[in-house]
Amino acid sequence: MSESPLDEPDVRELADIPAVEVISRAAVMLMSSAAEKLGLADPDPDTSARRDLDEARRVITALAGLITSSVEYLGPHAGPLRDGLQSLQRAFREASAHPDEPGKGPGEKYTGPVY
């Protein structure tokens, strides 16, 4: 018994996916990871068992590098991705017991200071 085309998963070859889509998907994955590591997926981020600011710093910095280096290719996706990044940077600052100086927070060496 052979499978019908409807039973096969919708899989695309990576070579067929436009670069902007690959970059955007990577950025969204990094944003989701940062939000989880900031505890933002929980009702009370301050008491989240998932909060890990050291890990969040790393992911936010990687996200900032990706967005900053790719902004010219992102077209209409650039604004929302930058806004999301800044929201995560602000959430990190608010979650920190001892916030970094402006310009020293996660990813700020790529984006400039976030207040």
N, C-alpha and C. Protein backbone atom coordinates (compact mmCIF):
# COMPACT_ATOMS: atom_id res chain seq x y z
N MET A 1 0.84 -1.18 0.00
CA MET A 1 0.00 0.00 0.00
C MET A 1 0.89 1.24 0.00
N SER A 2 0.73 2.09 -0.98
CA SER A 2 1.56 3.29 -1.06
C SER A 2 0.85 4.46 -0.39
N GLU A 3 1.66 5.39 0.07
CA GLU A 3 1.09 6.57 0.73
C GLU A 3 0.66 7.58 -0.32
N SER A 4 -0.41 8.25 -0.06
CA SER A 4 -0.86 9.30 -0.97
C SER A 4 -0.08 10.58 -0.67
N PRO A 5 -0.03 11.50 -1.62
CA PRO A 5 0.69 12.76 -1.37
C PRO A 5 0.16 13.52 -0.16
N LEU A 6 -1.10 13.30 0.22
CA LEU A 6 -1.65 13.98 1.39
C LEU A 6 -1.08 13.46 2.70
N ASP A 7 -0.54 12.23 2.68
CA ASP A 7 0.03 11.63 3.88
C ASP A 7 1.47 12.06 4.12
N GLU A 8 2.10 12.61 3.10
CA GLU A 8 3.50 13.00 3.22
C GLU A 8 3.60 14.37 3.89
N PRO A 9 4.59 14.54 4.77
CA PRO A 9 4.75 15.85 5.41
C PRO A 9 5.16 16.90 4.38
N ASP A 10 4.81 18.16 4.66
CA ASP A 10 5.18 19.26 3.79
C ASP A 10 6.61 19.66 4.10
N VAL A 11 7.55 19.13 3.33
CA VAL A 11 8.97 19.37 3.57
C VAL A 11 9.55 20.09 2.37
N ARG A 12 10.28 21.15 2.65
CA ARG A 12 10.95 21.88 1.58
C ARG A 12 12.45 21.70 1.72
N GLU A 13 13.12 21.70 0.62
CA GLU A 13 14.58 21.64 0.63
C GLU A 13 15.12 22.98 1.11
N LEU A 14 16.12 22.95 1.94
CA LEU A 14 16.70 24.17 2.48
C LEU A 14 17.17 25.10 1.36
N ALA A 15 17.70 24.54 0.30
CA ALA A 15 18.18 25.35 -0.82
C ALA A 15 17.05 26.12 -1.50
N ASP A 16 15.82 25.66 -1.34
CA ASP A 16 14.68 26.31 -1.97
C ASP A 16 14.07 27.43 -1.12
N ILE A 17 14.52 27.57 0.11
CA ILE A 17 13.95 28.57 1.02
C ILE A 17 14.73 29.87 0.88
N PRO A 18 14.06 30.99 0.62
CA PRO A 18 14.76 32.27 0.48
C PRO A 18 15.53 32.64 1.76
N ALA A 19 16.66 33.29 1.57
CA ALA A 19 17.51 33.67 2.70
C ALA A 19 16.75 34.47 3.74
N VAL A 20 15.91 35.42 3.32
CA VAL A 20 15.17 36.24 4.27
C VAL A 20 14.30 35.38 5.16
N GLU A 21 13.75 34.31 4.64
CA GLU A 21 12.92 33.42 5.45
C GLU A 21 13.76 32.63 6.44
N VAL A 22 14.93 32.17 6.01
CA VAL A 22 15.83 31.44 6.91
C VAL A 22 16.27 32.35 8.05
N ILE A 23 16.67 33.57 7.72
CA ILE A 23 17.13 34.52 8.73
C ILE A 23 15.99 34.87 9.69
N SER A 24 14.81 35.12 9.14
CA SER A 24 13.66 35.47 9.98
C SER A 24 13.28 34.34 10.92
N ARG A 25 13.29 33.12 10.40
CA ARG A 25 12.97 31.96 11.26
C ARG A 25 13.99 31.79 12.37
N ALA A 26 15.27 31.98 12.04
CA ALA A 26 16.31 31.88 13.06
C ALA A 26 16.11 32.96 14.12
N ALA A 27 15.77 34.16 13.68
CA ALA A 27 15.55 35.26 14.63
C ALA A 27 14.36 34.96 15.54
N VAL A 28 13.28 34.44 14.97
CA VAL A 28 12.10 34.12 15.79
C VAL A 28 12.44 33.02 16.80
N MET A 29 13.25 32.05 16.39
CA MET A 29 13.65 30.99 17.33
C MET A 29 14.47 31.57 18.48
N LEU A 30 15.40 32.47 18.16
CA LEU A 30 16.20 33.11 19.20
C LEU A 30 15.33 33.97 20.11
N MET A 31 14.37 34.68 19.53
CA MET A 31 13.46 35.50 20.35
C MET A 31 12.66 34.63 21.30
N SER A 32 12.16 33.52 20.81
CA SER A 32 11.37 32.62 21.65
C SER A 32 12.23 32.05 22.78
N SER A 33 13.45 31.67 22.45
CA SER A 33 14.35 31.14 23.47
C SER A 33 14.65 32.19 24.53
N ALA A 34 14.92 33.42 24.10
CA ALA A 34 15.21 34.50 25.06
C ALA A 34 14.02 34.76 25.96
N ALA A 35 12.83 34.78 25.38
CA ALA A 35 11.63 35.01 26.19
C ALA A 35 11.46 33.92 27.23
N GLU A 36 11.68 32.68 26.84
CA GLU A 36 11.59 31.57 27.80
C GLU A 36 12.63 31.72 28.91
N LYS A 37 13.86 32.09 28.53
CA LYS A 37 14.94 32.20 29.51
C LYS A 37 14.76 33.42 30.42
N LEU A 38 13.95 34.37 29.97
CA LEU A 38 13.60 35.52 30.83
C LEU A 38 12.39 35.21 31.70
N GLY A 39 11.78 34.06 31.48
CA GLY A 39 10.61 33.66 32.26
C GLY A 39 9.33 34.29 31.77
N LEU A 40 9.34 34.88 30.57
CA LEU A 40 8.19 35.62 30.08
C LEU A 40 7.02 34.72 29.68
N ALA A 41 7.26 33.43 29.56
CA ALA A 41 6.18 32.51 29.20
C ALA A 41 5.36 32.10 30.42
N ASP A 42 5.84 32.43 31.59
CA ASP A 42 5.15 32.06 32.82
C ASP A 42 4.29 33.21 33.33
N PRO A 43 3.26 32.90 34.11
CA PRO A 43 2.39 33.97 34.64
C PRO A 43 3.14 35.03 35.43
N ASP A 44 4.14 34.61 36.19
CA ASP A 44 4.95 35.55 36.97
C ASP A 44 6.42 35.32 36.63
N PRO A 45 6.96 36.10 35.71
CA PRO A 45 8.36 35.92 35.32
C PRO A 45 9.34 35.97 36.49
N ASP A 46 9.01 36.76 37.53
CA ASP A 46 9.92 36.91 38.66
C ASP A 46 10.11 35.61 39.44
N THR A 47 9.13 34.72 39.37
CA THR A 47 9.23 33.46 40.11
C THR A 47 9.37 32.26 39.17
N SER A 48 9.63 32.52 37.91
CA SER A 48 9.74 31.44 36.93
C SER A 48 10.94 30.54 37.22
N ALA A 49 10.67 29.24 37.21
CA ALA A 49 11.76 28.27 37.38
C ALA A 49 12.64 28.22 36.14
N ARG A 50 12.13 28.74 35.03
CA ARG A 50 12.88 28.72 33.77
C ARG A 50 13.79 29.94 33.60
N ARG A 51 13.66 30.91 34.46
CA ARG A 51 14.46 32.13 34.31
C ARG A 51 15.95 31.81 34.46
N ASP A 52 16.71 32.22 33.49
CA ASP A 52 18.16 32.04 33.50
C ASP A 52 18.75 33.23 32.74
N LEU A 53 19.11 34.26 33.47
CA LEU A 53 19.56 35.50 32.85
C LEU A 53 20.89 35.36 32.13
N ASP A 54 21.75 34.46 32.59
CA ASP A 54 23.02 34.24 31.91
C ASP A 54 22.76 33.67 30.51
N GLU A 55 21.88 32.70 30.43
CA GLU A 55 21.51 32.11 29.14
C GLU A 55 20.76 33.14 28.28
N ALA A 56 19.88 33.91 28.89
CA ALA A 56 19.13 34.93 28.14
C ALA A 56 20.09 35.94 27.53
N ARG A 57 21.10 36.35 28.27
CA ARG A 57 22.10 37.30 27.76
C ARG A 57 22.75 36.76 26.49
N ARG A 58 23.12 35.52 26.50
CA ARG A 58 23.78 34.91 25.34
C ARG A 58 22.87 34.88 24.12
N VAL A 59 21.63 34.48 24.34
CA VAL A 59 20.69 34.37 23.22
C VAL A 59 20.35 35.76 22.67
N ILE A 60 20.13 36.73 23.55
CA ILE A 60 19.81 38.09 23.10
C ILE A 60 20.99 38.68 22.33
N THR A 61 22.20 38.44 22.78
CA THR A 61 23.38 38.94 22.07
C THR A 61 23.48 38.31 20.68
N ALA A 62 23.23 37.01 20.59
CA ALA A 62 23.25 36.34 19.28
C ALA A 62 22.16 36.90 18.37
N LEU A 63 20.99 37.14 18.93
CA LEU A 63 19.88 37.71 18.16
C LEU A 63 20.25 39.10 17.65
N ALA A 64 20.85 39.92 18.51
CA ALA A 64 21.25 41.27 18.11
C ALA A 64 22.27 41.22 16.98
N GLY A 65 23.21 40.31 17.06
CA GLY A 65 24.21 40.18 15.99
C GLY A 65 23.56 39.77 14.69
N LEU A 66 22.64 38.81 14.75
CA LEU A 66 21.95 38.34 13.55
C LEU A 66 21.14 39.46 12.91
N ILE A 67 20.34 40.13 13.70
CA ILE A 67 19.47 41.18 13.14
C ILE A 67 20.31 42.34 12.61
N THR A 68 21.28 42.78 13.37
CA THR A 68 22.10 43.92 12.95
C THR A 68 22.86 43.62 11.66
N SER A 69 23.40 42.43 11.56
CA SER A 69 24.18 42.10 10.36
C SER A 69 23.31 41.77 9.16
N SER A 70 22.04 41.50 9.37
CA SER A 70 21.14 41.10 8.28
C SER A 70 20.10 42.15 7.93
N VAL A 71 20.09 43.27 8.60
CA VAL A 71 19.00 44.24 8.46
C VAL A 71 18.77 44.66 7.01
N GLU A 72 19.81 44.77 6.23
CA GLU A 72 19.64 45.22 4.83
C GLU A 72 18.89 44.21 3.98
N TYR A 73 18.84 42.96 4.42
CA TYR A 73 18.17 41.91 3.66
C TYR A 73 16.75 41.63 4.15
N LEU A 74 16.38 42.16 5.29
CA LEU A 74 15.12 41.78 5.93
C LEU A 74 13.90 42.52 5.43
N GLY A 75 14.10 43.61 4.71
CA GLY A 75 12.96 44.34 4.15
C GLY A 75 11.93 44.69 5.21
N PRO A 76 10.65 44.38 4.96
CA PRO A 76 9.60 44.74 5.91
C PRO A 76 9.67 43.97 7.23
N HIS A 77 10.48 42.92 7.29
CA HIS A 77 10.62 42.15 8.52
C HIS A 77 11.56 42.84 9.52
N ALA A 78 12.37 43.77 9.04
CA ALA A 78 13.39 44.39 9.89
C ALA A 78 12.79 45.12 11.08
N GLY A 79 11.78 45.93 10.86
CA GLY A 79 11.18 46.72 11.94
C GLY A 79 10.63 45.86 13.07
N PRO A 80 9.76 44.90 12.76
CA PRO A 80 9.22 44.06 13.83
C PRO A 80 10.30 43.25 14.56
N LEU A 81 11.31 42.79 13.83
CA LEU A 81 12.37 42.03 14.49
C LEU A 81 13.19 42.92 15.41
N ARG A 82 13.48 44.14 14.96
CA ARG A 82 14.19 45.10 15.83
C ARG A 82 13.38 45.44 17.07
N ASP A 83 12.08 45.65 16.88
CA ASP A 83 11.19 45.96 18.00
C ASP A 83 11.18 44.82 19.01
N GLY A 84 11.10 43.60 18.51
CA GLY A 84 11.12 42.43 19.40
C GLY A 84 12.42 42.33 20.16
N LEU A 85 13.52 42.58 19.48
CA LEU A 85 14.83 42.56 20.12
C LEU A 85 14.89 43.61 21.23
N GLN A 86 14.46 44.82 20.94
CA GLN A 86 14.50 45.88 21.97
C GLN A 86 13.62 45.54 23.16
N SER A 87 12.49 44.92 22.90
CA SER A 87 11.60 44.51 24.01
C SER A 87 12.30 43.49 24.89
N LEU A 88 13.01 42.56 24.29
CA LEU A 88 13.75 41.56 25.08
C LEU A 88 14.89 42.22 25.84
N GLN A 89 15.58 43.16 25.21
CA GLN A 89 16.66 43.85 25.90
C GLN A 89 16.13 44.63 27.11
N ARG A 90 14.98 45.27 26.95
CA ARG A 90 14.37 46.00 28.08
C ARG A 90 13.92 45.03 29.17
N ALA A 91 13.32 43.91 28.76
CA ALA A 91 12.87 42.91 29.74
C ALA A 91 14.06 42.37 30.52
N PHE A 92 15.19 42.19 29.85
CA PHE A 92 16.40 41.73 30.54
C PHE A 92 16.83 42.76 31.57
N ARG A 93 16.84 44.02 31.18
CA ARG A 93 17.24 45.09 32.10
C ARG A 93 16.33 45.11 33.32
N GLU A 94 15.02 44.99 33.09
CA GLU A 94 14.06 45.00 34.19
C GLU A 94 14.20 43.78 35.10
N ALA A 95 14.60 42.65 34.53
CA ALA A 95 14.73 41.41 35.31
C ALA A 95 16.02 41.36 36.12
N SER A 96 16.98 42.18 35.76
CA SER A 96 18.29 42.13 36.41
C SER A 96 18.27 42.82 37.77
N ALA A 97 18.83 42.15 38.76
CA ALA A 97 18.94 42.74 40.10
C ALA A 97 19.86 43.95 40.07
N HIS A 98 20.90 43.87 39.24
CA HIS A 98 21.86 44.96 39.07
C HIS A 98 21.99 45.21 37.57
N PRO A 99 21.10 46.05 37.00
CA PRO A 99 21.11 46.27 35.56
C PRO A 99 22.46 46.77 35.05
N ASP A 100 22.80 46.33 33.83
CA ASP A 100 24.02 46.78 33.17
C ASP A 100 23.91 48.27 32.87
N GLU A 101 25.06 48.92 32.76
CA GLU A 101 25.08 50.31 32.32
C GLU A 101 24.55 50.37 30.89
N PRO A 102 23.91 51.47 30.50
CA PRO A 102 23.47 51.60 29.12
C PRO A 102 24.64 51.36 28.16
N GLY A 103 24.39 50.55 27.16
CA GLY A 103 25.43 50.19 26.19
C GLY A 103 26.18 48.93 26.55
N LYS A 104 25.98 48.42 27.77
CA LYS A 104 26.70 47.21 28.23
C LYS A 104 25.78 46.00 28.35
N GLY A 105 24.48 46.18 28.10
CA GLY A 105 23.52 45.09 28.21
C GLY A 105 23.66 44.11 27.05
N PRO A 106 22.89 43.03 27.09
CA PRO A 106 23.00 42.02 26.05
C PRO A 106 22.69 42.56 24.66
N GLY A 107 23.63 42.37 23.76
CA GLY A 107 23.46 42.79 22.38
C GLY A 107 23.67 44.25 22.11
N GLU A 108 23.87 45.05 23.15
CA GLU A 108 23.97 46.49 22.97
C GLU A 108 25.24 46.92 22.26
N LYS A 109 26.24 46.05 22.21
CA LYS A 109 27.42 46.41 21.43
C LYS A 109 27.10 46.42 19.94
N TYR A 110 26.00 45.75 19.56
CA TYR A 110 25.56 45.73 18.16
C TYR A 110 24.45 46.74 17.89
N THR A 111 23.59 46.98 18.87
CA THR A 111 22.41 47.82 18.66
C THR A 111 22.55 49.23 19.20
N GLY A 112 23.51 49.44 20.08
CA GLY A 112 23.60 50.70 20.80
C GLY A 112 22.77 50.57 22.07
N PRO A 113 22.85 51.57 22.95
CA PRO A 113 22.17 51.51 24.24
C PRO A 113 20.66 51.38 24.10
N VAL A 114 20.09 50.60 24.98
CA VAL A 114 18.64 50.45 25.07
C VAL A 114 18.25 50.87 26.47
N TYR A 115 17.32 51.81 26.56
CA TYR A 115 16.91 52.34 27.86
C TYR A 115 15.55 51.81 28.24
